[in-house]
Amino acid sequence: VVITNVLHYVPDVKQLFSEAVRVLRPGGRIAITTWDEEALSSRLRAAWINWSRRAPVYLHFNLWTTIQCSGFRIISVNTYSVGVCWKLKTFHAVLTDIPESQHTNTEQLGTEQS
């Protein structure tokens, strides 16, 4: 699963990761690139976009924990600059276990993990 530059528009990332878990088998991989929420430039840009009402923007400060609590083991995290004042962060993770709540959902649907 690849998620690129969209998390800042998603209000509930737990639901997004739940869907990623649903479509992956254990051992499946996910790559996530998003704004570096710790960078001042990301905070200022989010504030400006929210203020101008162009789109709601959400910064997810505990993304590391959310990824791990969703059943993924983080393999690597890279933070890098794009231009002078823009930072992005990329997480690479592998699904280690399907959370118990996901077992129930897939059994109810009668589908296999793909």
C-alpha atoms as a PDB file:
ATOM      1  CA  VAL A   1       0.000   0.000   0.000  1.00  0.00           C
ATOM      2  CA  VAL A   2       1.349   3.446  -0.915  1.00  0.00           C
ATOM      3  CA  ILE A   3       0.015   6.606   0.725  1.00  0.00           C
ATOM      4  CA  THR A   4       1.617   9.776  -0.580  1.00  0.00           C
ATOM      5  CA  ASN A   5       0.912  13.350   0.519  1.00  0.00           C
ATOM      6  CA  VAL A   6      -2.674  12.727   1.544  1.00  0.00           C
ATOM      7  CA  LEU A   7      -2.625  12.124   5.319  1.00  0.00           C
ATOM      8  CA  HIS A   8      -2.865  15.821   6.083  1.00  0.00           C
ATOM      9  CA  TYR A   9      -6.336  15.786   4.474  1.00  0.00           C
ATOM     10  CA  VAL A  10      -7.548  12.712   6.414  1.00  0.00           C
ATOM     11  CA  PRO A  11      -9.231  13.479   9.753  1.00  0.00           C
ATOM     12  CA  ASP A  12      -9.189   9.853  10.999  1.00  0.00           C
ATOM     13  CA  VAL A  13      -5.931   8.098  10.143  1.00  0.00           C
ATOM     14  CA  LYS A  14      -6.882   5.102  12.308  1.00  0.00           C
ATOM     15  CA  GLN A  15      -9.656   4.317   9.841  1.00  0.00           C
ATOM     16  CA  LEU A  16      -7.215   4.695   6.932  1.00  0.00           C
ATOM     17  CA  PHE A  17      -4.752   2.256   8.535  1.00  0.00           C
ATOM     18  CA  SER A  18      -7.612  -0.116   9.313  1.00  0.00           C
ATOM     19  CA  GLU A  19      -8.364  -0.246   5.587  1.00  0.00           C
ATOM     20  CA  ALA A  20      -4.684  -0.851   4.790  1.00  0.00           C
ATOM     21  CA  VAL A  21      -4.662  -3.763   7.257  1.00  0.00           C
ATOM     22  CA  ARG A  22      -7.808  -5.140   5.624  1.00  0.00           C
ATOM     23  CA  VAL A  23      -6.202  -5.380   2.179  1.00  0.00           C
ATOM     24  CA  LEU A  24      -2.783  -6.659   3.292  1.00  0.00           C
ATOM     25  CA  ARG A  25      -1.620 -10.043   4.474  1.00  0.00           C
ATOM     26  CA  PRO A  26       0.815 -10.292   7.368  1.00  0.00           C
ATOM     27  CA  GLY A  27       4.185  -9.405   5.848  1.00  0.00           C
ATOM     28  CA  GLY A  28       2.544  -6.896   3.493  1.00  0.00           C
ATOM     29  CA  ARG A  29       4.241  -3.516   3.249  1.00  0.00           C
ATOM     30  CA  ILE A  30       3.106   0.065   3.467  1.00  0.00           C
ATOM     31  CA  ALA A  31       4.933   3.244   2.451  1.00  0.00           C
ATOM     32  CA  ILE A  32       3.660   6.573   3.727  1.00  0.00           C
ATOM     33  CA  THR A  33       4.958   9.985   2.722  1.00  0.00           C
ATOM     34  CA  THR A  34       3.491  12.977   4.497  1.00  0.00           C
ATOM     35  CA  TRP A  35       4.334  16.436   5.744  1.00  0.00           C
ATOM     36  CA  ASP A  36       6.865  16.462   8.574  1.00  0.00           C
ATOM     37  CA  GLU A  37       4.526  17.571  11.354  1.00  0.00           C
ATOM     38  CA  GLU A  38       7.466  18.660  13.501  1.00  0.00           C
ATOM     39  CA  ALA A  39       8.694  21.203  10.945  1.00  0.00           C
ATOM     40  CA  LEU A  40       7.635  24.797  11.510  1.00  0.00           C
ATOM     41  CA  SER A  41       6.985  25.169   7.771  1.00  0.00           C
ATOM     42  CA  SER A  42       4.393  22.361   7.905  1.00  0.00           C
ATOM     43  CA  ARG A  43       2.646  23.921  10.879  1.00  0.00           C
ATOM     44  CA  LEU A  44       2.557  27.349   9.230  1.00  0.00           C
ATOM     45  CA  ARG A  45       1.326  25.949   5.922  1.00  0.00           C
ATOM     46  CA  ALA A  46      -1.416  23.940   7.677  1.00  0.00           C
ATOM     47  CA  ALA A  47      -2.504  27.018   9.637  1.00  0.00           C
ATOM     48  CA  TRP A  48      -2.627  29.133   6.477  1.00  0.00           C
ATOM     49  CA  ILE A  49      -4.606  26.529   4.492  1.00  0.00           C
ATOM     50  CA  ASN A  50      -7.070  26.103   7.370  1.00  0.00           C
ATOM     51  CA  TRP A  51      -7.386  29.876   7.805  1.00  0.00           C
ATOM     52  CA  SER A  52      -7.979  30.438   4.086  1.00  0.00           C
ATOM     53  CA  ARG A  53     -10.547  27.609   4.075  1.00  0.00           C
ATOM     54  CA  ARG A  54      -9.026  25.978   1.002  1.00  0.00           C
ATOM     55  CA  ALA A  55      -9.317  22.559   2.628  1.00  0.00           C
ATOM     56  CA  PRO A  56      -9.238  21.176   6.147  1.00  0.00           C
ATOM     57  CA  VAL A  57      -5.685  20.142   7.070  1.00  0.00           C
ATOM     58  CA  TYR A  58      -4.777  17.783   9.890  1.00  0.00           C
ATOM     59  CA  LEU A  59      -1.294  17.257  11.288  1.00  0.00           C
ATOM     60  CA  HIS A  60      -0.909  13.860  12.950  1.00  0.00           C
ATOM     61  CA  PHE A  61       1.693  14.226  15.689  1.00  0.00           C
ATOM     62  CA  ASN A  62       1.642  10.634  16.923  1.00  0.00           C
ATOM     63  CA  LEU A  63       1.823   8.945  13.534  1.00  0.00           C
ATOM     64  CA  TRP A  64       4.628   6.588  14.644  1.00  0.00           C
ATOM     65  CA  THR A  65       2.434   5.255  17.468  1.00  0.00           C
ATOM     66  CA  THR A  66      -0.675   5.067  15.269  1.00  0.00           C
ATOM     67  CA  ILE A  67       1.187   3.012  12.647  1.00  0.00           C
ATOM     68  CA  GLN A  68       2.499   0.588  15.272  1.00  0.00           C
ATOM     69  CA  CYS A  69      -0.849   0.273  17.070  1.00  0.00           C
ATOM     70  CA  SER A  70      -2.442  -0.631  13.729  1.00  0.00           C
ATOM     71  CA  GLY A  71      -0.310  -3.803  13.569  1.00  0.00           C
ATOM     72  CA  PHE A  72       2.668  -2.538  11.565  1.00  0.00           C
ATOM     73  CA  ARG A  73       6.362  -2.716  12.437  1.00  0.00           C
ATOM     74  CA  ILE A  74       8.198   0.364  11.228  1.00  0.00           C
ATOM     75  CA  ILE A  75      11.253  -0.537   9.159  1.00  0.00           C
ATOM     76  CA  SER A  76      12.519   2.973   8.478  1.00  0.00           C
ATOM     77  CA  VAL A  77      11.643   6.644   8.751  1.00  0.00           C
ATOM     78  CA  ASN A  78      13.303   9.237   6.541  1.00  0.00           C
ATOM     79  CA  THR A  79      12.905  12.983   6.913  1.00  0.00           C
ATOM     80  CA  TYR A  80      14.108  15.139   4.061  1.00  0.00           C
ATOM     81  CA  SER A  81      13.912  18.669   2.774  1.00  0.00           C
ATOM     82  CA  VAL A  82      12.204  19.606  -0.446  1.00  0.00           C
ATOM     83  CA  GLY A  83      13.392  23.053  -1.372  1.00  0.00           C
ATOM     84  CA  VAL A  84      14.416  25.610   1.193  1.00  0.00           C
ATOM     85  CA  CYS A  85      11.588  25.418   3.722  1.00  0.00           C
ATOM     86  CA  TRP A  86       9.587  22.265   3.130  1.00  0.00           C
ATOM     87  CA  LYS A  87      10.079  18.931   4.880  1.00  0.00           C
ATOM     88  CA  LEU A  88       8.535  15.545   4.231  1.00  0.00           C
ATOM     89  CA  LYS A  89       8.690  12.300   6.176  1.00  0.00           C
ATOM     90  CA  THR A  90       8.479   8.785   4.733  1.00  0.00           C
ATOM     91  CA  PHE A  91       7.642   5.725   6.804  1.00  0.00           C
ATOM     92  CA  HIS A  92       8.216   2.177   5.550  1.00  0.00           C
ATOM     93  CA  ALA A  93       6.464  -0.516   7.570  1.00  0.00           C
ATOM     94  CA  VAL A  94       5.450  -4.153   7.399  1.00  0.00           C
ATOM     95  CA  LEU A  95       2.212  -5.655   8.699  1.00  0.00           C
ATOM     96  CA  THR A  96       3.209  -7.982  11.524  1.00  0.00           C
ATOM     97  CA  ASP A  97      -0.174  -8.961  12.848  1.00  0.00           C
ATOM     98  CA  ILE A  98      -3.783  -8.296  12.024  1.00  0.00           C
ATOM     99  CA  PRO A  99      -5.426  -6.633  15.042  1.00  0.00           C
ATOM    100  CA  GLU A 100      -8.241  -8.676  16.621  1.00  0.00           C
ATOM    101  CA  SER A 101     -10.882  -6.173  15.484  1.00  0.00           C
ATOM    102  CA  GLN A 102      -9.816  -6.753  11.869  1.00  0.00           C
ATOM    103  CA  HIS A 103     -10.202 -10.554  12.207  1.00  0.00           C
ATOM    104  CA  THR A 104     -13.840 -10.046  13.116  1.00  0.00           C
ATOM    105  CA  ASN A 105     -14.448  -7.677  10.191  1.00  0.00           C
ATOM    106  CA  THR A 106     -12.951 -10.000   7.577  1.00  0.00           C
ATOM    107  CA  GLU A 107     -14.764 -13.046   8.951  1.00  0.00           C
ATOM    108  CA  GLN A 108     -18.079 -11.189   8.766  1.00  0.00           C
ATOM    109  CA  LEU A 109     -17.418 -10.261   5.148  1.00  0.00           C
ATOM    110  CA  GLY A 110     -16.411 -13.807   4.262  1.00  0.00           C
ATOM    111  CA  THR A 111     -13.332 -12.554   2.438  1.00  0.00           C
ATOM    112  CA  GLU A 112      -9.695 -13.526   2.613  1.00  0.00           C
ATOM    113  CA  GLN A 113      -6.864 -11.128   3.244  1.00  0.00           C
ATOM    114  CA  SER A 114      -5.135 -10.359  -0.060  1.00  0.00           C
END
